[in-house]
Amino acid sequence: MKLIRNLVGLGAVALAMVGWNCAAERKAGHDAAKTATAAIQSRSDSHVTGKATFTEEKGQVTLKIEIEGAEPGTHAVHLHEKGDCAAPDATSAGGHWNPTHENHGKWNTAPFHHGDIGNIEVGADGKGTFKLTTNLWTIGSGVDTDVVGKAVIVHAKADDFTTQPTGNAGGRVGCGVVELAK
């Protein structure tokens, strides 16, 4: 009888350990970084290419954009509402992503909307990088803050942060659809 009680006790301990390990794995998976990317391709007869990487960790999304083949100078970068870069001029991506229905503006200076990323500086070599971290976006959440399914647009000119609704940023010279990383 004592042997049976010991075996039952060991079985309970083993089940508890399995349950603890499963809970730890679920928590680790929940806290693990989520990533989405957009391969930026040339539009409007430009030579702009690049990559946008979104990484979500601990309630913050960090965006890093790297482009090349762009004209030297300042170029606006926005998130647009539709993940569709099919049109030669990227107009298929629609307007700026604006789930909060705010006026166009400068990031982190009210009013602004979720698609108002900012300007990227491009050097004489045609390359530029940009980085932004925010708690206003999510990755793969399926709610109105989700960047997946949007388009990253690189514009021909700088964003003036004033002109409605586009910032007078000019044509769309690069476009990439934001997709969950596999």
C-alpha atoms as a PDB file:
ATOM      1  CA  MET A   1       0.000   0.000   0.000  1.00  0.00           C
ATOM      2  CA  LYS A   2       2.862   2.363   0.862  1.00  0.00           C
ATOM      3  CA  LEU A   3       4.429   1.695  -2.563  1.00  0.00           C
ATOM      4  CA  ILE A   4       1.184   2.628  -4.331  1.00  0.00           C
ATOM      5  CA  ARG A   5       0.928   5.913  -2.346  1.00  0.00           C
ATOM      6  CA  ASN A   6       4.545   6.762  -3.261  1.00  0.00           C
ATOM      7  CA  LEU A   7       3.902   6.069  -6.955  1.00  0.00           C
ATOM      8  CA  VAL A   8       0.734   8.170  -6.883  1.00  0.00           C
ATOM      9  CA  GLY A   9       2.664  10.966  -5.137  1.00  0.00           C
ATOM     10  CA  LEU A  10       5.440  10.818  -7.732  1.00  0.00           C
ATOM     11  CA  GLY A  11       2.861  10.901 -10.513  1.00  0.00           C
ATOM     12  CA  ALA A  12       1.303  14.045  -9.040  1.00  0.00           C
ATOM     13  CA  VAL A  13       4.726  15.689  -8.811  1.00  0.00           C
ATOM     14  CA  ALA A  14       5.475  14.745 -12.441  1.00  0.00           C
ATOM     15  CA  LEU A  15       2.141  16.174 -13.616  1.00  0.00           C
ATOM     16  CA  ALA A  16       2.765  19.379 -11.670  1.00  0.00           C
ATOM     17  CA  MET A  17       6.214  19.704 -13.281  1.00  0.00           C
ATOM     18  CA  VAL A  18       4.743  19.213 -16.762  1.00  0.00           C
ATOM     19  CA  GLY A  19       2.089  21.839 -16.043  1.00  0.00           C
ATOM     20  CA  TRP A  20       4.722  24.296 -14.770  1.00  0.00           C
ATOM     21  CA  ASN A  21       6.889  23.735 -17.856  1.00  0.00           C
ATOM     22  CA  CYS A  22       3.920  24.277 -20.181  1.00  0.00           C
ATOM     23  CA  ALA A  23       3.003  27.518 -18.374  1.00  0.00           C
ATOM     24  CA  ALA A  24       6.617  28.701 -18.596  1.00  0.00           C
ATOM     25  CA  GLU A  25       6.711  27.912 -22.325  1.00  0.00           C
ATOM     26  CA  ARG A  26       3.435  29.779 -22.908  1.00  0.00           C
ATOM     27  CA  LYS A  27       4.765  32.800 -21.007  1.00  0.00           C
ATOM     28  CA  ALA A  28       8.068  32.703 -22.910  1.00  0.00           C
ATOM     29  CA  GLY A  29       6.156  32.512 -26.190  1.00  0.00           C
ATOM     30  CA  HIS A  30       3.955  35.417 -25.126  1.00  0.00           C
ATOM     31  CA  ASP A  31       6.935  37.563 -24.175  1.00  0.00           C
ATOM     32  CA  ALA A  32       8.949  36.587 -27.257  1.00  0.00           C
ATOM     33  CA  ALA A  33       9.484  39.302 -29.844  1.00  0.00           C
ATOM     34  CA  LYS A  34       7.119  39.422 -32.830  1.00  0.00           C
ATOM     35  CA  THR A  35       8.495  40.581 -36.158  1.00  0.00           C
ATOM     36  CA  ALA A  36       7.005  41.894 -39.386  1.00  0.00           C
ATOM     37  CA  THR A  37       8.844  43.063 -42.488  1.00  0.00           C
ATOM     38  CA  ALA A  38       8.223  44.965 -45.691  1.00  0.00           C
ATOM     39  CA  ALA A  39      10.415  44.586 -48.768  1.00  0.00           C
ATOM     40  CA  ILE A  40      10.459  48.074 -50.274  1.00  0.00           C
ATOM     41  CA  GLN A  41      10.405  48.048 -54.062  1.00  0.00           C
ATOM     42  CA  SER A  42      10.826  50.829 -56.617  1.00  0.00           C
ATOM     43  CA  ARG A  43       7.769  52.723 -57.790  1.00  0.00           C
ATOM     44  CA  SER A  44       7.195  55.729 -60.080  1.00  0.00           C
ATOM     45  CA  ASP A  45      10.284  54.870 -62.169  1.00  0.00           C
ATOM     46  CA  SER A  46      12.629  55.342 -59.199  1.00  0.00           C
ATOM     47  CA  HIS A  47      15.489  53.098 -58.085  1.00  0.00           C
ATOM     48  CA  VAL A  48      14.488  52.970 -54.402  1.00  0.00           C
ATOM     49  CA  THR A  49      14.697  49.586 -52.705  1.00  0.00           C
ATOM     50  CA  GLY A  50      15.057  48.552 -49.095  1.00  0.00           C
ATOM     51  CA  LYS A  51      13.567  46.878 -46.088  1.00  0.00           C
ATOM     52  CA  ALA A  52      11.411  47.890 -43.143  1.00  0.00           C
ATOM     53  CA  THR A  53      11.566  45.705 -40.033  1.00  0.00           C
ATOM     54  CA  PHE A  54       9.028  45.993 -37.216  1.00  0.00           C
ATOM     55  CA  THR A  55       9.851  44.256 -33.918  1.00  0.00           C
ATOM     56  CA  GLU A  56       7.405  44.118 -30.998  1.00  0.00           C
ATOM     57  CA  GLU A  57       8.782  43.417 -27.554  1.00  0.00           C
ATOM     58  CA  LYS A  58       7.359  44.224 -24.111  1.00  0.00           C
ATOM     59  CA  GLY A  59       4.580  46.439 -25.470  1.00  0.00           C
ATOM     60  CA  GLN A  60       6.843  48.504 -27.760  1.00  0.00           C
ATOM     61  CA  VAL A  61       7.239  48.274 -31.532  1.00  0.00           C
ATOM     62  CA  THR A  62      10.550  49.343 -33.047  1.00  0.00           C
ATOM     63  CA  LEU A  63      10.663  50.162 -36.745  1.00  0.00           C
ATOM     64  CA  LYS A  64      13.950  50.190 -38.633  1.00  0.00           C
ATOM     65  CA  ILE A  65      13.976  51.270 -42.272  1.00  0.00           C
ATOM     66  CA  GLU A  66      16.942  50.911 -44.601  1.00  0.00           C
ATOM     67  CA  ILE A  67      16.730  52.202 -48.168  1.00  0.00           C
ATOM     68  CA  GLU A  68      19.109  52.582 -51.073  1.00  0.00           C
ATOM     69  CA  GLY A  69      18.925  53.887 -54.623  1.00  0.00           C
ATOM     70  CA  ALA A  70      17.116  57.032 -53.505  1.00  0.00           C
ATOM     71  CA  GLU A  71      17.886  60.582 -54.595  1.00  0.00           C
ATOM     72  CA  PRO A  72      20.082  62.307 -51.984  1.00  0.00           C
ATOM     73  CA  GLY A  73      18.125  64.530 -49.609  1.00  0.00           C
ATOM     74  CA  THR A  74      15.102  64.221 -47.342  1.00  0.00           C
ATOM     75  CA  HIS A  75      12.254  61.807 -48.076  1.00  0.00           C
ATOM     76  CA  ALA A  76       8.999  61.315 -46.200  1.00  0.00           C
ATOM     77  CA  VAL A  77       8.130  57.824 -44.995  1.00  0.00           C
ATOM     78  CA  HIS A  78       4.536  56.946 -44.122  1.00  0.00           C
ATOM     79  CA  LEU A  79       2.417  53.902 -43.368  1.00  0.00           C
ATOM     80  CA  HIS A  80      -0.482  53.684 -45.798  1.00  0.00           C
ATOM     81  CA  GLU A  81      -3.820  52.003 -45.161  1.00  0.00           C
ATOM     82  CA  LYS A  82      -3.692  49.191 -47.724  1.00  0.00           C
ATOM     83  CA  GLY A  83      -0.997  46.561 -48.135  1.00  0.00           C
ATOM     84  CA  ASP A  84      -1.142  46.855 -51.905  1.00  0.00           C
ATOM     85  CA  CYS A  85       1.841  48.003 -53.972  1.00  0.00           C
ATOM     86  CA  ALA A  86       0.536  46.763 -57.333  1.00  0.00           C
ATOM     87  CA  ALA A  87       0.104  50.163 -59.001  1.00  0.00           C
ATOM     88  CA  PRO A  88       3.225  51.494 -60.763  1.00  0.00           C
ATOM     89  CA  ASP A  89       2.926  54.689 -58.683  1.00  0.00           C
ATOM     90  CA  ALA A  90       1.836  52.835 -55.482  1.00  0.00           C
ATOM     91  CA  THR A  91      -1.516  54.640 -55.355  1.00  0.00           C
ATOM     92  CA  SER A  92      -3.062  51.210 -54.748  1.00  0.00           C
ATOM     93  CA  ALA A  93      -1.799  51.555 -51.137  1.00  0.00           C
ATOM     94  CA  GLY A  94      -4.466  54.188 -50.496  1.00  0.00           C
ATOM     95  CA  GLY A  95      -4.038  57.126 -48.139  1.00  0.00           C
ATOM     96  CA  HIS A  96      -2.141  57.390 -44.902  1.00  0.00           C
ATOM     97  CA  TRP A  97      -3.067  54.861 -42.216  1.00  0.00           C
ATOM     98  CA  ASN A  98      -5.122  56.908 -39.786  1.00  0.00           C
ATOM     99  CA  PRO A  99      -7.147  54.727 -37.396  1.00  0.00           C
ATOM    100  CA  THR A 100      -7.459  57.598 -34.886  1.00  0.00           C
ATOM    101  CA  HIS A 101      -8.901  60.035 -37.480  1.00  0.00           C
ATOM    102  CA  GLU A 102      -6.403  62.762 -36.575  1.00  0.00           C
ATOM    103  CA  ASN A 103      -5.005  65.453 -38.850  1.00  0.00           C
ATOM    104  CA  HIS A 104      -1.688  64.795 -40.555  1.00  0.00           C
ATOM    105  CA  GLY A 105       1.277  66.030 -38.551  1.00  0.00           C
ATOM    106  CA  LYS A 106       4.673  65.310 -37.032  1.00  0.00           C
ATOM    107  CA  TRP A 107       5.144  62.086 -35.064  1.00  0.00           C
ATOM    108  CA  ASN A 108       4.716  62.586 -31.320  1.00  0.00           C
ATOM    109  CA  THR A 109       3.506  66.199 -31.720  1.00  0.00           C
ATOM    110  CA  ALA A 110      -0.289  66.442 -31.567  1.00  0.00           C
ATOM    111  CA  PRO A 111      -2.123  66.177 -33.823  1.00  0.00           C
ATOM    112  CA  PHE A 112      -0.623  63.313 -35.813  1.00  0.00           C
ATOM    113  CA  HIS A 113      -1.815  59.906 -36.926  1.00  0.00           C
ATOM    114  CA  HIS A 114      -0.374  56.386 -36.798  1.00  0.00           C
ATOM    115  CA  GLY A 115       0.925  56.568 -40.370  1.00  0.00           C
ATOM    116  CA  ASP A 116       2.955  59.771 -39.848  1.00  0.00           C
ATOM    117  CA  ILE A 117       6.381  58.189 -39.478  1.00  0.00           C
ATOM    118  CA  GLY A 118       8.617  61.112 -40.451  1.00  0.00           C
ATOM    119  CA  ASN A 119      11.507  61.908 -42.766  1.00  0.00           C
ATOM    120  CA  ILE A 120      14.535  59.838 -43.714  1.00  0.00           C
ATOM    121  CA  GLU A 121      17.830  61.475 -44.673  1.00  0.00           C
ATOM    122  CA  VAL A 122      19.495  59.991 -47.746  1.00  0.00           C
ATOM    123  CA  GLY A 123      23.194  60.544 -48.326  1.00  0.00           C
ATOM    124  CA  ALA A 124      25.119  61.108 -51.539  1.00  0.00           C
ATOM    125  CA  ASP A 125      25.430  57.301 -51.827  1.00  0.00           C
ATOM    126  CA  GLY A 126      21.622  57.006 -52.115  1.00  0.00           C
ATOM    127  CA  LYS A 127      21.332  55.229 -48.740  1.00  0.00           C
ATOM    128  CA  GLY A 128      19.346  56.169 -45.668  1.00  0.00           C
ATOM    129  CA  THR A 129      18.206  54.642 -42.383  1.00  0.00           C
ATOM    130  CA  PHE A 130      15.464  55.519 -39.935  1.00  0.00           C
ATOM    131  CA  LYS A 131      14.447  54.164 -36.533  1.00  0.00           C
ATOM    132  CA  LEU A 132      11.359  54.731 -34.392  1.00  0.00           C
ATOM    133  CA  THR A 133      10.014  53.049 -31.238  1.00  0.00           C
ATOM    134  CA  THR A 134       6.390  53.405 -30.133  1.00  0.00           C
ATOM    135  CA  ASN A 135       3.657  51.860 -28.028  1.00  0.00           C
ATOM    136  CA  LEU A 136       0.992  53.026 -30.530  1.00  0.00           C
ATOM    137  CA  TRP A 137       1.484  50.048 -32.871  1.00  0.00           C
ATOM    138  CA  THR A 138       1.131  46.276 -32.548  1.00  0.00           C
ATOM    139  CA  ILE A 139       2.185  43.362 -34.741  1.00  0.00           C
ATOM    140  CA  GLY A 140      -0.270  40.635 -35.714  1.00  0.00           C
ATOM    141  CA  SER A 141      -2.878  41.640 -33.126  1.00  0.00           C
ATOM    142  CA  GLY A 142      -5.721  42.046 -35.619  1.00  0.00           C
ATOM    143  CA  VAL A 143      -6.864  45.286 -33.933  1.00  0.00           C
ATOM    144  CA  ASP A 144      -6.765  48.812 -35.325  1.00  0.00           C
ATOM    145  CA  THR A 145      -3.176  49.374 -34.067  1.00  0.00           C
ATOM    146  CA  ASP A 146      -1.821  46.419 -36.104  1.00  0.00           C
ATOM    147  CA  VAL A 147       0.802  47.371 -38.730  1.00  0.00           C
ATOM    148  CA  VAL A 148       0.461  44.047 -40.579  1.00  0.00           C
ATOM    149  CA  GLY A 149      -1.346  44.524 -43.881  1.00  0.00           C
ATOM    150  CA  LYS A 150      -0.317  48.163 -44.235  1.00  0.00           C
ATOM    151  CA  ALA A 151       2.179  49.573 -46.753  1.00  0.00           C
ATOM    152  CA  VAL A 152       5.434  51.399 -46.059  1.00  0.00           C
ATOM    153  CA  ILE A 153       5.711  54.239 -48.572  1.00  0.00           C
ATOM    154  CA  VAL A 154       8.838  56.249 -49.342  1.00  0.00           C
ATOM    155  CA  HIS A 155       7.989  59.609 -50.928  1.00  0.00           C
ATOM    156  CA  ALA A 156       9.927  61.753 -53.407  1.00  0.00           C
ATOM    157  CA  LYS A 157      10.075  64.796 -51.097  1.00  0.00           C
ATOM    158  CA  ALA A 158      10.217  65.670 -47.415  1.00  0.00           C
ATOM    159  CA  ASP A 159       7.105  65.793 -45.233  1.00  0.00           C
ATOM    160  CA  ASP A 160       6.392  69.404 -44.207  1.00  0.00           C
ATOM    161  CA  PHE A 161       4.248  68.069 -41.304  1.00  0.00           C
ATOM    162  CA  THR A 162       1.597  70.708 -42.057  1.00  0.00           C
ATOM    163  CA  THR A 163      -0.079  70.286 -45.452  1.00  0.00           C
ATOM    164  CA  GLN A 164      -3.249  68.170 -45.180  1.00  0.00           C
ATOM    165  CA  PRO A 165      -3.576  65.274 -45.661  1.00  0.00           C
ATOM    166  CA  THR A 166      -0.171  64.282 -47.073  1.00  0.00           C
ATOM    167  CA  GLY A 167       2.505  66.659 -45.794  1.00  0.00           C
ATOM    168  CA  ASN A 168       3.200  67.759 -49.406  1.00  0.00           C
ATOM    169  CA  ALA A 169       5.581  64.792 -49.661  1.00  0.00           C
ATOM    170  CA  GLY A 170       5.323  64.276 -53.404  1.00  0.00           C
ATOM    171  CA  GLY A 171       5.092  61.045 -55.384  1.00  0.00           C
ATOM    172  CA  ARG A 172       5.516  57.537 -54.048  1.00  0.00           C
ATOM    173  CA  VAL A 173       8.968  56.255 -55.018  1.00  0.00           C
ATOM    174  CA  GLY A 174       9.064  53.105 -52.875  1.00  0.00           C
ATOM    175  CA  CYS A 175       6.448  50.705 -51.538  1.00  0.00           C
ATOM    176  CA  GLY A 176       6.487  47.572 -49.380  1.00  0.00           C
ATOM    177  CA  VAL A 177       3.682  45.508 -47.833  1.00  0.00           C
ATOM    178  CA  VAL A 178       4.042  44.795 -44.100  1.00  0.00           C
ATOM    179  CA  GLU A 179       3.810  41.026 -43.464  1.00  0.00           C
ATOM    180  CA  LEU A 180       4.401  38.845 -40.419  1.00  0.00           C
ATOM    181  CA  ALA A 181       7.881  37.344 -40.497  1.00  0.00           C
ATOM    182  CA  LYS A 182       7.907  33.600 -41.016  1.00  0.00           C
END
